[in-house]
Amino acid sequence: MNRAFFPECPYCKKLCYTTVEQAKRSAARQRQKGSPHLAIYECRKGNGYHLTSHPRNNSAVTPKKRKPPKPCSTRKRKRHK
């Protein structure tokens, strides 16, 4: 497909797709040509969607939750000698 249909993002300087469906079709075509797995992500500036070959970092999307601390009465106390 001609790149003229997918303009360069003015903020990221990457190829920009206006819909997820366009990005999926492009990723599928590139996989048929032998490219590695491509993931779709939304532009941070809100200009559309981009493709990346980097694995997704789930911890950035959903941060880990810490367990609440145990009450003092159930904690084991360390003895100092």
Protein backbone atom coordinates (compact mmCIF):
# COMPACT_ATOMS: atom_id res chain seq x y z
CA MET A 1 0.00 0.00 0.00
CA ASN A 2 1.18 3.49 -0.76
CA ARG A 3 2.57 5.36 2.24
CA ALA A 4 0.87 8.56 1.08
CA PHE A 5 -2.36 7.29 2.67
CA PHE A 6 -0.67 7.07 6.08
CA PRO A 7 1.00 10.37 6.91
CA GLU A 8 3.90 10.82 9.28
CA CYS A 9 2.91 11.84 12.80
CA PRO A 10 4.09 15.45 13.35
CA TYR A 11 4.97 14.71 16.99
CA CYS A 12 6.57 11.26 16.83
CA LYS A 13 7.82 11.28 13.22
CA LYS A 14 6.42 7.75 12.84
CA LEU A 15 3.96 6.32 10.37
CA CYS A 16 0.47 7.10 11.66
CA TYR A 17 -2.73 5.08 11.14
CA THR A 18 -6.06 6.77 11.78
CA THR A 19 -7.88 3.60 12.93
CA VAL A 20 -6.95 0.37 14.68
CA GLU A 21 -8.28 -1.59 11.68
CA GLN A 22 -5.83 0.15 9.34
CA ALA A 23 -2.96 -0.59 11.70
CA LYS A 24 -4.02 -4.26 12.01
CA ARG A 25 -4.16 -4.68 8.21
CA SER A 26 -0.72 -3.10 7.82
CA ALA A 27 0.73 -5.32 10.58
CA ALA A 28 -0.77 -8.41 8.91
CA ARG A 29 0.77 -7.47 5.54
CA GLN A 30 4.15 -6.89 7.15
CA ARG A 31 3.97 -10.27 8.96
CA GLN A 32 3.30 -11.97 5.61
CA LYS A 33 6.50 -10.37 4.32
CA GLY A 34 8.46 -11.87 7.24
CA SER A 35 8.47 -9.08 9.81
CA PRO A 36 8.38 -10.01 13.50
CA HIS A 37 5.21 -9.64 15.56
CA LEU A 38 4.03 -6.04 15.49
CA ALA A 39 1.96 -4.54 18.28
CA ILE A 40 -0.41 -1.61 17.87
CA TYR A 41 -0.39 1.26 20.32
CA GLU A 42 -2.13 4.61 20.51
CA CYS A 43 -0.10 7.76 19.91
CA ARG A 44 0.53 9.63 23.16
CA LYS A 45 -0.33 12.89 21.44
CA GLY A 46 -3.66 11.48 20.27
CA ASN A 47 -2.83 11.53 16.58
CA GLY A 48 -3.80 7.94 15.75
CA TYR A 49 -2.05 4.58 16.06
CA HIS A 50 1.50 3.33 15.52
CA LEU A 51 3.14 -0.10 15.16
CA THR A 52 6.04 -1.38 17.24
CA SER A 53 8.06 -4.59 17.35
CA HIS A 54 8.84 -4.09 21.05
CA PRO A 55 7.01 -6.31 23.53
CA ARG A 56 4.35 -4.60 25.59
CA ASN A 57 5.32 -3.49 29.07
CA ASN A 58 2.27 -4.46 31.12
CA SER A 59 3.66 -3.00 34.33
CA ALA A 60 3.49 0.49 32.84
CA VAL A 61 -0.16 0.01 31.95
CA THR A 62 -1.29 -1.68 35.16
CA PRO A 63 1.05 -0.94 38.04
CA LYS A 64 1.55 -3.62 40.66
CA LYS A 65 -0.52 -3.29 43.81
CA ARG A 66 1.15 -3.84 47.14
CA LYS A 67 -0.43 -5.96 49.78
CA PRO A 68 -1.64 -4.03 52.81
CA PRO A 69 0.71 -4.30 55.80
CA LYS A 70 -0.12 -6.79 58.51
CA PRO A 71 -1.26 -5.44 61.86
CA CYS A 72 1.49 -5.08 64.45
CA SER A 73 0.10 -7.88 66.65
CA THR A 74 0.60 -10.56 63.97
CA ARG A 75 4.10 -9.52 62.90
CA LYS A 76 7.00 -11.52 64.20
CA ARG A 77 9.27 -9.40 66.30
CA LYS A 78 12.99 -9.65 65.90
CA ARG A 79 14.94 -10.07 69.10
CA HIS A 80 18.16 -8.23 69.50
CA LYS A 81 20.94 -10.00 71.37
